[in-house]
Amino acid sequence: MPVFLNKGETDFNFEELTRILFDNLEFVRPAIATHNIRSMSNTIALTTSSGLPKNSFEFQMLYGMGEPLRKTLRDMGYRVRVYSPVGELIPGMSYLVRRLLENTSNESFVRQCFAEGRPLEELIHAPKIEREVVTAPREKEVFRNQPPMDFSLAENRERIKDSLRKVKNNFNRRYPLFIGNQEIFTDRETISNNPANPQEVIGRVSLATRKEAERAIEEAKKAWDIWKKKGFRERADYLSRAAEEMRKMRSELIALEIYEVGKTWKDADGDVSEAIDYCEYY
């Protein structure tokens, strides 16, 4: 589950993820941010047993917290990056309050170590799991989030640039209503302008009058006689097909959002990915 129910599960997961990072050193250089002696010891044990050099990773600690631990790690020859929050006072207060709540919690390692003076054997004990953590076997057809587009790849950047040019060539196009099997254009339209250049019209979408709205209702009634007989798998398949169509025209949809609402490439891609996820998930 996305949120663990007790501190032991969180610590257990932290150690599992640490192991995964060190199993993939060809791709990443781990930065282990912790003030927990157990988590530090687990990290050191992983690297020592694997024969990894001390400079293959770094510890990260907050300025002013666990200073004796930081000094000890430095004396042992490990790299330690010290970080400190910098910026506006008011937004920074929320960070301060979060740290105060975190460090004064009954389950906080900092409190147990420096305020309560718990024995070392107790502090470095393996995380206590209060319920069995079960990894369920993956189903063949399990939901997967649409991965974000990797803009560090040149081909993806070029794809968006090409789509921006392609979409711009279709500016000021008229878009109809779809009622039954017909495309219907009306005199009243919604005009979509580029917020970065209000003189540019992205598109013109036909607006329905009472007449078109009533006709759409009648068409929907007719369609219901067929639709109500379809099973849930066939109905769901329409959503899957819609998701697939969005995947095919993903870069064009991203380009439209960039022009139409001033989204950044990354944010526009996130919106399109989420739309695909909605169809696939539901």
Protein backbone atom coordinates (compact mmCIF):
# COMPACT_ATOMS: atom_id res chain seq x y z
CA MET A 1 0.00 0.00 0.00
CA PRO A 2 1.23 3.58 -0.64
CA VAL A 3 1.21 4.57 3.05
CA PHE A 4 2.62 2.22 5.68
CA LEU A 5 0.67 1.72 8.89
CA ASN A 6 3.59 1.71 11.35
CA LYS A 7 7.19 2.91 11.62
CA GLY A 8 8.61 -0.62 11.40
CA GLU A 9 7.15 -1.11 7.93
CA THR A 10 8.58 2.23 6.81
CA ASP A 11 12.06 1.31 8.09
CA PHE A 12 11.81 -2.16 6.54
CA ASN A 13 10.89 -0.61 3.17
CA PHE A 14 13.76 1.91 3.47
CA GLU A 15 16.23 -0.97 3.85
CA GLU A 16 14.71 -2.88 0.93
CA LEU A 17 14.95 0.17 -1.33
CA THR A 18 18.53 0.76 -0.20
CA ARG A 19 19.39 -2.79 -1.28
CA ILE A 20 17.74 -2.23 -4.68
CA LEU A 21 19.79 0.95 -5.20
CA PHE A 22 23.07 -0.84 -4.47
CA ASP A 23 22.06 -3.69 -6.78
CA ASN A 24 21.87 -1.12 -9.59
CA LEU A 25 25.04 0.93 -9.15
CA GLU A 26 25.65 0.86 -12.91
CA PHE A 27 22.69 3.22 -13.27
CA VAL A 28 22.62 5.28 -10.04
CA ARG A 29 24.85 6.70 -7.33
CA PRO A 30 22.87 6.29 -4.10
CA ALA A 31 22.41 9.15 -1.65
CA ILE A 32 21.18 7.74 1.69
CA ALA A 33 19.42 10.48 3.64
CA THR A 34 18.93 9.33 7.23
CA HIS A 35 19.67 10.10 10.89
CA ASN A 36 18.85 6.52 11.92
CA ILE A 37 21.81 4.44 13.17
CA ARG A 38 20.09 1.22 12.07
CA SER A 39 19.62 2.55 8.51
CA MET A 40 23.22 3.78 8.44
CA SER A 41 24.50 0.42 9.72
CA ASN A 42 22.41 -1.45 7.16
CA THR A 43 23.88 0.70 4.37
CA ILE A 44 27.46 0.16 5.56
CA ALA A 45 26.84 -3.60 5.88
CA LEU A 46 25.49 -3.76 2.31
CA THR A 47 28.53 -1.99 0.86
CA THR A 48 31.05 -3.89 2.99
CA SER A 49 29.62 -7.32 2.14
CA SER A 50 29.63 -6.39 -1.57
CA GLY A 51 33.18 -5.03 -1.48
CA LEU A 52 32.05 -1.62 -2.71
CA PRO A 53 34.30 1.42 -2.21
CA LYS A 54 33.25 4.06 0.31
CA ASN A 55 32.93 6.69 -2.41
CA SER A 56 30.30 4.68 -4.33
CA PHE A 57 27.57 6.46 -2.37
CA GLU A 58 27.04 9.29 0.12
CA PHE A 59 25.09 9.87 3.32
CA GLN A 60 22.95 12.99 3.58
CA MET A 61 22.09 14.68 6.89
CA LEU A 62 20.31 17.85 7.94
CA TYR A 63 22.42 20.65 9.38
CA GLY A 64 22.15 20.70 13.19
CA MET A 65 20.62 17.22 13.49
CA GLY A 66 22.57 14.20 14.74
CA GLU A 67 25.92 16.03 14.68
CA PRO A 68 27.75 13.23 16.60
CA LEU A 69 26.57 10.71 13.99
CA ARG A 70 27.76 12.93 11.15
CA LYS A 71 31.19 13.35 12.74
CA THR A 72 31.46 9.59 13.28
CA LEU A 73 30.64 8.83 9.63
CA ARG A 74 33.24 11.37 8.47
CA ASP A 75 35.84 9.84 10.80
CA MET A 76 35.06 6.43 9.29
CA GLY A 77 35.87 7.79 5.84
CA TYR A 78 32.33 8.02 4.42
CA ARG A 79 31.13 10.92 2.32
CA VAL A 80 28.50 13.03 4.06
CA ARG A 81 26.52 15.82 2.41
CA VAL A 82 25.02 18.31 4.87
CA TYR A 83 21.95 20.18 3.68
CA SER A 84 20.00 23.07 5.10
CA PRO A 85 16.66 24.68 4.17
CA VAL A 86 17.12 28.15 2.68
CA GLY A 87 14.47 30.63 1.61
CA GLU A 88 11.44 32.63 2.70
CA LEU A 89 10.52 32.61 6.41
CA ILE A 90 6.78 31.82 6.16
CA PRO A 91 7.02 28.86 3.74
CA GLY A 92 10.03 27.65 5.74
CA MET A 93 7.95 27.49 8.91
CA SER A 94 5.95 24.56 7.52
CA TYR A 95 9.22 22.69 7.01
CA LEU A 96 10.27 23.52 10.58
CA VAL A 97 6.94 22.33 12.01
CA ARG A 98 7.20 19.09 10.01
CA ARG A 99 10.66 18.46 11.45
CA LEU A 100 9.48 19.25 15.00
CA LEU A 101 6.56 16.82 14.68
CA GLU A 102 8.81 14.19 13.13
CA ASN A 103 11.58 14.42 15.73
CA THR A 104 9.35 14.62 18.82
CA SER A 105 7.21 11.64 17.76
CA ASN A 106 7.33 8.65 20.14
CA GLU A 107 8.66 6.55 17.24
CA SER A 108 11.33 9.08 16.18
CA PHE A 109 14.86 7.68 16.15
CA VAL A 110 16.29 11.12 17.00
CA ARG A 111 14.12 11.32 20.13
CA GLN A 112 14.82 7.74 21.19
CA CYS A 113 18.58 8.18 20.68
CA PHE A 114 19.33 11.68 21.97
CA ALA A 115 16.44 12.49 24.33
CA GLU A 116 15.52 9.10 25.81
CA GLY A 117 18.96 7.46 25.63
CA ARG A 118 17.68 4.06 24.50
CA PRO A 119 20.27 1.22 24.55
CA LEU A 120 22.24 0.74 21.33
CA GLU A 121 21.04 -2.89 21.00
CA GLU A 122 17.46 -1.63 20.95
CA LEU A 123 18.19 1.18 18.49
CA ILE A 124 19.80 -1.10 15.90
CA HIS A 125 17.27 -3.92 16.24
CA ALA A 126 15.72 -5.09 12.96
CA PRO A 127 12.52 -3.21 12.01
CA LYS A 128 9.45 -4.65 13.71
CA ILE A 129 6.75 -5.66 11.24
CA GLU A 130 3.35 -5.80 12.94
CA ARG A 131 1.66 -7.57 10.06
CA GLU A 132 2.83 -9.95 7.39
CA VAL A 133 4.10 -8.07 4.35
CA VAL A 134 2.99 -10.11 1.36
CA THR A 135 4.04 -9.47 -2.20
CA ALA A 136 1.12 -10.66 -4.29
CA PRO A 137 1.91 -12.38 -7.60
CA ARG A 138 1.47 -10.01 -10.52
CA GLU A 139 -1.61 -10.56 -12.62
CA LYS A 140 -1.18 -10.95 -16.37
CA GLU A 141 -3.40 -7.95 -17.11
CA VAL A 142 -2.50 -5.57 -14.29
CA PHE A 143 -2.84 -1.79 -14.46
CA ARG A 144 0.35 0.13 -15.24
CA ASN A 145 0.68 3.90 -15.16
CA GLN A 146 1.61 5.53 -18.45
CA PRO A 147 5.33 6.38 -18.07
CA PRO A 148 6.18 10.07 -18.50
CA MET A 149 7.98 11.08 -21.67
CA ASP A 150 11.75 11.27 -21.14
CA PHE A 151 12.75 14.70 -22.42
CA SER A 152 16.44 13.98 -21.81
CA LEU A 153 16.23 11.94 -25.04
CA ALA A 154 16.79 14.00 -28.18
CA GLU A 155 14.24 12.01 -30.21
CA ASN A 156 11.47 12.92 -27.74
CA ARG A 157 12.38 16.61 -27.83
CA GLU A 158 12.32 16.52 -31.63
CA ARG A 159 8.97 14.73 -31.59
CA ILE A 160 7.41 17.55 -29.57
CA LYS A 161 8.99 20.22 -31.78
CA ASP A 162 7.57 18.50 -34.87
CA SER A 163 4.14 18.29 -33.23
CA LEU A 164 4.25 21.98 -32.27
CA ARG A 165 4.84 22.83 -35.96
CA LYS A 166 2.16 20.38 -37.13
CA VAL A 167 -0.47 21.67 -34.68
CA LYS A 168 0.29 25.30 -35.56
CA ASN A 169 -0.48 24.55 -39.20
CA ASN A 170 -4.04 23.66 -38.13
CA PHE A 171 -4.68 26.85 -36.14
CA ASN A 172 -8.09 28.52 -36.57
CA ARG A 173 -9.68 25.21 -37.62
CA ARG A 174 -13.42 24.73 -37.02
CA TYR A 175 -14.52 21.77 -34.88
CA PRO A 176 -18.07 20.36 -35.21
CA LEU A 177 -20.53 18.77 -32.84
CA PHE A 178 -20.93 15.01 -33.27
CA ILE A 179 -24.57 13.93 -33.04
CA GLY A 180 -25.46 10.44 -34.18
CA ASN A 181 -23.31 9.81 -37.22
CA GLN A 182 -23.20 13.44 -38.32
CA GLU A 183 -20.79 16.33 -37.95
CA ILE A 184 -22.76 19.52 -37.28
CA PHE A 185 -21.34 23.05 -37.53
CA THR A 186 -23.22 25.93 -35.89
CA ASP A 187 -22.96 29.70 -36.17
CA ARG A 188 -22.16 30.13 -32.45
CA GLU A 189 -18.65 29.04 -31.48
CA THR A 190 -16.28 28.89 -28.54
CA ILE A 191 -13.02 30.54 -29.57
CA SER A 192 -9.80 29.14 -28.07
CA ASN A 193 -6.91 31.63 -28.02
CA ASN A 194 -3.23 31.13 -27.28
CA PRO A 195 -2.65 32.81 -23.85
CA ALA A 196 0.96 33.54 -24.83
CA ASN A 197 -0.25 35.27 -28.02
CA PRO A 198 -3.97 36.15 -27.74
CA GLN A 199 -4.14 37.07 -31.43
CA GLU A 200 -3.61 33.40 -32.34
CA VAL A 201 -6.79 31.34 -32.54
CA ILE A 202 -6.11 27.69 -31.73
CA GLY A 203 -9.54 26.52 -32.81
CA ARG A 204 -13.26 27.24 -33.04
CA VAL A 205 -15.66 24.76 -31.46
CA SER A 206 -19.34 24.75 -32.47
CA LEU A 207 -21.83 25.47 -29.68
CA ALA A 208 -25.11 23.57 -29.46
CA THR A 209 -28.43 25.38 -29.46
CA ARG A 210 -31.54 23.92 -27.84
CA LYS A 211 -32.29 22.21 -31.16
CA GLU A 212 -28.95 20.32 -31.25
CA ALA A 213 -29.18 19.45 -27.55
CA GLU A 214 -32.64 17.89 -27.95
CA ARG A 215 -31.49 15.95 -30.98
CA ALA A 216 -28.44 14.65 -29.06
CA ILE A 217 -30.77 13.36 -26.31
CA GLU A 218 -32.90 11.53 -28.87
CA GLU A 219 -29.81 9.95 -30.43
CA ALA A 220 -28.62 8.90 -26.99
CA LYS A 221 -31.96 7.18 -26.30
CA LYS A 222 -31.63 5.22 -29.54
CA ALA A 223 -28.04 4.22 -28.74
CA TRP A 224 -29.05 3.03 -25.25
CA ASP A 225 -31.10 0.16 -26.68
CA ILE A 226 -27.88 -1.29 -28.15
CA TRP A 227 -25.47 -0.20 -25.41
CA LYS A 228 -27.44 -1.70 -22.51
CA LYS A 229 -27.04 -5.18 -24.02
CA LYS A 230 -23.24 -4.98 -24.13
CA GLY A 231 -21.24 -6.72 -21.40
CA PHE A 232 -18.82 -4.90 -19.14
CA ARG A 233 -15.75 -6.21 -20.97
CA GLU A 234 -16.94 -4.78 -24.26
CA ARG A 235 -17.79 -1.47 -22.60
CA ALA A 236 -14.37 -1.33 -20.95
CA ASP A 237 -12.77 -2.08 -24.29
CA TYR A 238 -14.03 1.28 -25.61
CA LEU A 239 -12.05 3.04 -22.87
CA SER A 240 -8.96 0.97 -23.65
CA ARG A 241 -9.28 1.88 -27.31
CA ALA A 242 -9.65 5.56 -26.40
CA ALA A 243 -6.45 5.29 -24.33
CA GLU A 244 -4.66 3.68 -27.26
CA GLU A 245 -5.75 6.50 -29.60
CA MET A 246 -4.37 9.04 -27.13
CA ARG A 247 -1.08 7.16 -27.03
CA LYS A 248 -0.85 7.35 -30.84
CA MET A 249 -1.41 11.12 -30.87
CA ARG A 250 0.30 11.83 -27.55
CA SER A 251 2.78 14.40 -28.84
CA GLU A 252 0.02 16.27 -30.74
CA LEU A 253 -2.14 16.40 -27.59
CA ILE A 254 0.87 17.70 -25.63
CA ALA A 255 1.45 20.38 -28.28
CA LEU A 256 -2.22 21.42 -28.13
CA GLU A 257 -2.03 21.89 -24.36
CA ILE A 258 1.17 23.91 -24.68
CA TYR A 259 -0.52 26.29 -27.12
CA GLU A 260 -4.00 26.31 -25.64
CA VAL A 261 -3.33 26.74 -21.91
CA GLY A 262 0.36 27.66 -21.73
CA LYS A 263 1.49 24.39 -20.13
CA THR A 264 5.16 23.45 -19.95
CA TRP A 265 6.16 20.36 -21.93
CA LYS A 266 6.45 18.29 -18.76
CA ASP A 267 3.10 19.40 -17.31
CA ALA A 268 1.28 18.89 -20.60
CA ASP A 269 2.75 15.40 -20.88
CA GLY A 270 1.60 14.70 -17.32
CA ASP A 271 -1.97 15.69 -18.21
CA VAL A 272 -2.06 13.46 -21.28
CA SER A 273 -0.53 10.55 -19.36
CA GLU A 274 -3.14 11.00 -16.64
CA ALA A 275 -5.97 10.99 -19.19
CA ILE A 276 -4.63 7.69 -20.57
CA ASP A 277 -4.39 6.33 -17.02
CA TYR A 278 -8.01 7.28 -16.28
CA CYS A 279 -9.26 5.33 -19.28
CA GLU A 280 -7.05 2.32 -18.56
CA TYR A 281 -7.76 2.24 -14.81
CA TYR A 282 -11.50 2.73 -14.77
